[in-house]
Each structure stands twice: as structure tokens, then as C-alpha cells.
Amino acid sequence: MSPLRMLHSSSPEETRAAGFKLAADLSPGSVVALFGRLGAGKTVFVQGLASGLGIPEGWAKSPTFTLVRFYPSDPPFFHIDLYRIERPAAEELGWEEWEEGVAAIEWAEKMEGLLPPGTVRVTLEARGEKEREIKIESDDDA
């Protein structure tokens, strides 16, 4: 894993800004795997990531019920939420098709063995009502 980046967020805006900043380091084929409990800020982080990829503010919504949302940006952005499915279903999502864009996967632990090399792992932990610790690491310099 690359050197760990630990960030502290005191608000949803700062969590969004951390996602926005990470977007500058991504390119087609990048996968961002998000880990954290319900309410930890995964979707807020992804909203910042989407904004950093040129998607208008407010467009990125949680795909909890649709599983995948596609945003035609450059590169294309895929927001995946595995909260409502079991691991066998996750294996059949066809995530290999997302290689031409950037993919952000919430509840990525359901695909742990399927995540490609170079995956950026983002772990969010609540430290109060609004405060979050954000750990960003990867097995390369993505």
C-alpha cells in the first residue's frame, strides 16, 4: 500500500472537499473503494469526487436502490452502491465494463476479492455527529 493519507473532517463540506481533491489523482480505470459504517459519509465523499470529475454539484445521488449510477463526464463516472446486495450478486454486476471511466464503490467489502490492483481504498469513520477520520491508501501511487 502507498503511504497512508489520514485526513480529519469537521463537516460534510470538508468531507466533500476531500473527495474533490482525490479526483485530481484519478484517471480512466481508477477504482475508489469506500468502507465505513452506515452514515459515515461515504456518499458525501463520493459527491465531492463526482464534482472533482466535472459533474455538476447536486447531481450525484446515492444509487442505493439502482445499484449503479452513470454520469457522462470525462472520464465517465460510475457510482456503485452494494449496500442492498449480497456478495454473489456483486460478482455478477459486470464491473469490468467500468474500466473506461472512474468507479466509486460504496460498501466495497462485498467485492473485496474482486477489487483490481491499484484500487484506492477510502475508509471513513465517524468521530462525532459531523467529524470524520478519512484514511486514503492504495497499492500504487493513484
C-alpha atoms as a PDB file:
ATOM      1  CA  MET A   1       0.000   0.000   0.000  1.00  0.00           C
ATOM      2  CA  SER A   2       1.134   3.516  -0.725  1.00  0.00           C
ATOM      3  CA  PRO A   3       1.795   5.814   2.197  1.00  0.00           C
ATOM      4  CA  LEU A   4      -1.359   6.402   4.110  1.00  0.00           C
ATOM      5  CA  ARG A   5      -3.124   9.759   3.974  1.00  0.00           C
ATOM      6  CA  MET A   6      -5.105  10.495   7.108  1.00  0.00           C
ATOM      7  CA  LEU A   7      -7.477  13.421   6.960  1.00  0.00           C
ATOM      8  CA  HIS A   8      -9.729  14.940   9.572  1.00  0.00           C
ATOM      9  CA  SER A   9     -13.064  16.394   8.543  1.00  0.00           C
ATOM     10  CA  SER A  10     -15.139  18.611  10.800  1.00  0.00           C
ATOM     11  CA  SER A  11     -18.098  18.948   8.444  1.00  0.00           C
ATOM     12  CA  PRO A  12     -19.824  17.414   5.412  1.00  0.00           C
ATOM     13  CA  GLU A  13     -18.286  20.235   3.345  1.00  0.00           C
ATOM     14  CA  GLU A  14     -14.775  19.158   4.373  1.00  0.00           C
ATOM     15  CA  THR A  15     -15.601  15.506   3.610  1.00  0.00           C
ATOM     16  CA  ARG A  16     -16.859  16.582   0.169  1.00  0.00           C
ATOM     17  CA  ALA A  17     -13.678  18.631  -0.334  1.00  0.00           C
ATOM     18  CA  ALA A  18     -11.528  15.551   0.424  1.00  0.00           C
ATOM     19  CA  GLY A  19     -13.333  13.664  -2.347  1.00  0.00           C
ATOM     20  CA  PHE A  20     -12.929  16.628  -4.709  1.00  0.00           C
ATOM     21  CA  LYS A  21      -9.182  16.707  -4.042  1.00  0.00           C
ATOM     22  CA  LEU A  22      -8.794  12.948  -4.647  1.00  0.00           C
ATOM     23  CA  ALA A  23     -10.460  13.288  -8.073  1.00  0.00           C
ATOM     24  CA  ALA A  24      -7.371  15.128  -9.370  1.00  0.00           C
ATOM     25  CA  ASP A  25      -5.305  11.958  -8.802  1.00  0.00           C
ATOM     26  CA  LEU A  26      -7.640   9.662 -10.753  1.00  0.00           C
ATOM     27  CA  SER A  27      -7.711   8.604 -14.396  1.00  0.00           C
ATOM     28  CA  PRO A  28      -9.707   6.186 -16.570  1.00  0.00           C
ATOM     29  CA  GLY A  29      -9.615   2.758 -14.977  1.00  0.00           C
ATOM     30  CA  SER A  30      -9.339   4.102 -11.417  1.00  0.00           C
ATOM     31  CA  VAL A  31     -11.431   2.368  -8.783  1.00  0.00           C
ATOM     32  CA  VAL A  32     -12.199   4.004  -5.447  1.00  0.00           C
ATOM     33  CA  ALA A  33     -13.449   1.517  -2.851  1.00  0.00           C
ATOM     34  CA  LEU A  34     -15.257   3.083   0.095  1.00  0.00           C
ATOM     35  CA  PHE A  35     -15.516   1.469   3.510  1.00  0.00           C
ATOM     36  CA  GLY A  36     -17.346   2.677   6.608  1.00  0.00           C
ATOM     37  CA  ARG A  37     -20.450   2.183   8.650  1.00  0.00           C
ATOM     38  CA  LEU A  38     -23.857   3.464   7.645  1.00  0.00           C
ATOM     39  CA  GLY A  39     -23.815   7.243   7.988  1.00  0.00           C
ATOM     40  CA  ALA A  40     -20.005   7.527   7.960  1.00  0.00           C
ATOM     41  CA  GLY A  41     -20.018   9.908   4.984  1.00  0.00           C
ATOM     42  CA  LYS A  42     -19.294   7.639   2.015  1.00  0.00           C
ATOM     43  CA  THR A  43     -21.910   9.244  -0.232  1.00  0.00           C
ATOM     44  CA  VAL A  44     -20.829  12.758   0.770  1.00  0.00           C
ATOM     45  CA  PHE A  45     -17.215  11.856  -0.121  1.00  0.00           C
ATOM     46  CA  VAL A  46     -18.378  10.462  -3.487  1.00  0.00           C
ATOM     47  CA  GLN A  47     -20.331  13.660  -4.169  1.00  0.00           C
ATOM     48  CA  GLY A  48     -17.078  15.591  -3.823  1.00  0.00           C
ATOM     49  CA  LEU A  49     -15.307  13.082  -6.042  1.00  0.00           C
ATOM     50  CA  ALA A  50     -18.005  13.494  -8.691  1.00  0.00           C
ATOM     51  CA  SER A  51     -17.736  17.271  -8.501  1.00  0.00           C
ATOM     52  CA  GLY A  52     -13.969  16.996  -8.929  1.00  0.00           C
ATOM     53  CA  LEU A  53     -14.580  14.991 -12.113  1.00  0.00           C
ATOM     54  CA  GLY A  54     -16.726  17.790 -13.535  1.00  0.00           C
ATOM     55  CA  ILE A  55     -20.177  16.550 -12.579  1.00  0.00           C
ATOM     56  CA  PRO A  56     -22.392  19.488 -11.551  1.00  0.00           C
ATOM     57  CA  GLU A  57     -22.904  19.968  -7.822  1.00  0.00           C
ATOM     58  CA  GLY A  58     -26.009  18.173  -6.592  1.00  0.00           C
ATOM     59  CA  TRP A  59     -26.213  15.659  -9.449  1.00  0.00           C
ATOM     60  CA  ALA A  60     -24.504  12.768  -7.648  1.00  0.00           C
ATOM     61  CA  LYS A  61     -27.091  10.911  -5.601  1.00  0.00           C
ATOM     62  CA  SER A  62     -26.821   7.643  -3.718  1.00  0.00           C
ATOM     63  CA  PRO A  63     -27.506   4.679  -6.019  1.00  0.00           C
ATOM     64  CA  THR A  64     -28.712   2.501  -3.124  1.00  0.00           C
ATOM     65  CA  PHE A  65     -31.832   1.376  -4.969  1.00  0.00           C
ATOM     66  CA  THR A  66     -30.485   1.466  -8.530  1.00  0.00           C
ATOM     67  CA  LEU A  67     -27.092  -0.074  -7.594  1.00  0.00           C
ATOM     68  CA  VAL A  68     -25.199   1.893 -10.283  1.00  0.00           C
ATOM     69  CA  ARG A  69     -25.479   5.467 -11.483  1.00  0.00           C
ATOM     70  CA  PHE A  70     -23.615   6.516 -14.612  1.00  0.00           C
ATOM     71  CA  TYR A  71     -22.521  10.105 -15.182  1.00  0.00           C
ATOM     72  CA  PRO A  72     -21.299  11.084 -18.672  1.00  0.00           C
ATOM     73  CA  SER A  73     -18.238  13.065 -17.711  1.00  0.00           C
ATOM     74  CA  ASP A  74     -14.663  12.924 -18.978  1.00  0.00           C
ATOM     75  CA  PRO A  75     -13.719  10.342 -17.884  1.00  0.00           C
ATOM     76  CA  PRO A  76     -17.129   8.706 -17.372  1.00  0.00           C
ATOM     77  CA  PHE A  77     -18.055   8.242 -13.702  1.00  0.00           C
ATOM     78  CA  PHE A  78     -19.779   5.207 -12.226  1.00  0.00           C
ATOM     79  CA  HIS A  79     -21.170   5.387  -8.673  1.00  0.00           C
ATOM     80  CA  ILE A  80     -21.912   1.922  -7.312  1.00  0.00           C
ATOM     81  CA  ASP A  81     -23.630   1.132  -4.005  1.00  0.00           C
ATOM     82  CA  LEU A  82     -23.585  -2.504  -2.869  1.00  0.00           C
ATOM     83  CA  TYR A  83     -25.434  -1.967   0.420  1.00  0.00           C
ATOM     84  CA  ARG A  84     -28.574  -3.847  -0.631  1.00  0.00           C
ATOM     85  CA  ILE A  85     -26.994  -6.833  -2.360  1.00  0.00           C
ATOM     86  CA  GLU A  86     -25.145  -9.924  -1.222  1.00  0.00           C
ATOM     87  CA  ARG A  87     -21.687 -10.892  -2.412  1.00  0.00           C
ATOM     88  CA  PRO A  88     -22.791 -13.389  -5.108  1.00  0.00           C
ATOM     89  CA  ALA A  89     -24.875 -10.685  -6.770  1.00  0.00           C
ATOM     90  CA  ALA A  90     -21.968  -8.235  -6.569  1.00  0.00           C
ATOM     91  CA  GLU A  91     -19.806 -10.666  -8.520  1.00  0.00           C
ATOM     92  CA  GLU A  92     -22.340 -10.598 -11.348  1.00  0.00           C
ATOM     93  CA  LEU A  93     -22.569  -6.799 -11.700  1.00  0.00           C
ATOM     94  CA  GLY A  94     -20.108  -6.781 -14.599  1.00  0.00           C
ATOM     95  CA  TRP A  95     -17.874  -4.131 -13.030  1.00  0.00           C
ATOM     96  CA  GLU A  96     -15.155  -4.860 -15.594  1.00  0.00           C
ATOM     97  CA  GLU A  97     -17.225  -2.742 -18.024  1.00  0.00           C
ATOM     98  CA  TRP A  98     -16.460   0.357 -15.961  1.00  0.00           C
ATOM     99  CA  GLU A  99     -12.765   0.322 -16.906  1.00  0.00           C
ATOM    100  CA  GLU A 100     -13.100   3.234 -19.350  1.00  0.00           C
ATOM    101  CA  GLY A 101     -14.085   5.527 -16.507  1.00  0.00           C
ATOM    102  CA  VAL A 102     -13.674   6.106 -12.798  1.00  0.00           C
ATOM    103  CA  ALA A 103     -15.680   3.874 -10.470  1.00  0.00           C
ATOM    104  CA  ALA A 104     -16.540   4.657  -6.841  1.00  0.00           C
ATOM    105  CA  ILE A 105     -17.898   1.657  -4.937  1.00  0.00           C
ATOM    106  CA  GLU A 106     -19.695   2.099  -1.620  1.00  0.00           C
ATOM    107  CA  TRP A 107     -19.775  -0.993   0.644  1.00  0.00           C
ATOM    108  CA  ALA A 108     -16.774  -2.312  -1.295  1.00  0.00           C
ATOM    109  CA  GLU A 109     -16.127  -5.022   1.289  1.00  0.00           C
ATOM    110  CA  LYS A 110     -18.737  -7.062  -0.609  1.00  0.00           C
ATOM    111  CA  MET A 111     -16.299  -7.158  -3.567  1.00  0.00           C
ATOM    112  CA  GLU A 112     -13.065  -7.346  -1.558  1.00  0.00           C
ATOM    113  CA  GLY A 113     -11.593 -10.254  -3.519  1.00  0.00           C
ATOM    114  CA  LEU A 114     -12.632  -8.728  -6.847  1.00  0.00           C
ATOM    115  CA  LEU A 115     -11.117  -5.254  -6.482  1.00  0.00           C
ATOM    116  CA  PRO A 116      -8.413  -4.685  -9.101  1.00  0.00           C
ATOM    117  CA  PRO A 117      -4.780  -3.847  -8.344  1.00  0.00           C
ATOM    118  CA  GLY A 118      -4.341  -0.123  -7.820  1.00  0.00           C
ATOM    119  CA  THR A 119      -7.704   0.305  -6.106  1.00  0.00           C
ATOM    120  CA  VAL A 120      -7.786   3.411  -3.929  1.00  0.00           C
ATOM    121  CA  ARG A 121      -9.244   2.459  -0.548  1.00  0.00           C
ATOM    122  CA  VAL A 122     -11.075   5.138   1.414  1.00  0.00           C
ATOM    123  CA  THR A 123     -12.199   4.348   4.945  1.00  0.00           C
ATOM    124  CA  LEU A 124     -14.436   6.828   6.746  1.00  0.00           C
ATOM    125  CA  GLU A 125     -15.023   6.697  10.488  1.00  0.00           C
ATOM    126  CA  ALA A 126     -17.447   8.912  12.378  1.00  0.00           C
ATOM    127  CA  ARG A 127     -15.854  10.716  15.330  1.00  0.00           C
ATOM    128  CA  GLY A 128     -18.985  12.540  16.422  1.00  0.00           C
ATOM    129  CA  GLU A 129     -22.025  13.976  14.715  1.00  0.00           C
ATOM    130  CA  LYS A 130     -20.091  15.817  11.981  1.00  0.00           C
ATOM    131  CA  GLU A 131     -16.447  14.875  12.469  1.00  0.00           C
ATOM    132  CA  ARG A 132     -14.843  12.143  10.381  1.00  0.00           C
ATOM    133  CA  GLU A 133     -11.462  10.490  10.079  1.00  0.00           C
ATOM    134  CA  ILE A 134     -10.715   9.680   6.436  1.00  0.00           C
ATOM    135  CA  LYS A 135      -7.998   7.161   5.582  1.00  0.00           C
ATOM    136  CA  ILE A 136      -6.878   7.001   1.938  1.00  0.00           C
ATOM    137  CA  GLU A 137      -4.493   4.323   0.719  1.00  0.00           C
ATOM    138  CA  SER A 138      -3.703   2.329  -2.412  1.00  0.00           C
ATOM    139  CA  ASP A 139      -1.260  -0.295  -3.561  1.00  0.00           C
ATOM    140  CA  ASP A 140       0.245   2.174  -6.020  1.00  0.00           C
ATOM    141  CA  ASP A 141       0.527   5.952  -6.232  1.00  0.00           C
ATOM    142  CA  ALA A 142      -3.024   6.520  -7.578  1.00  0.00           C
END
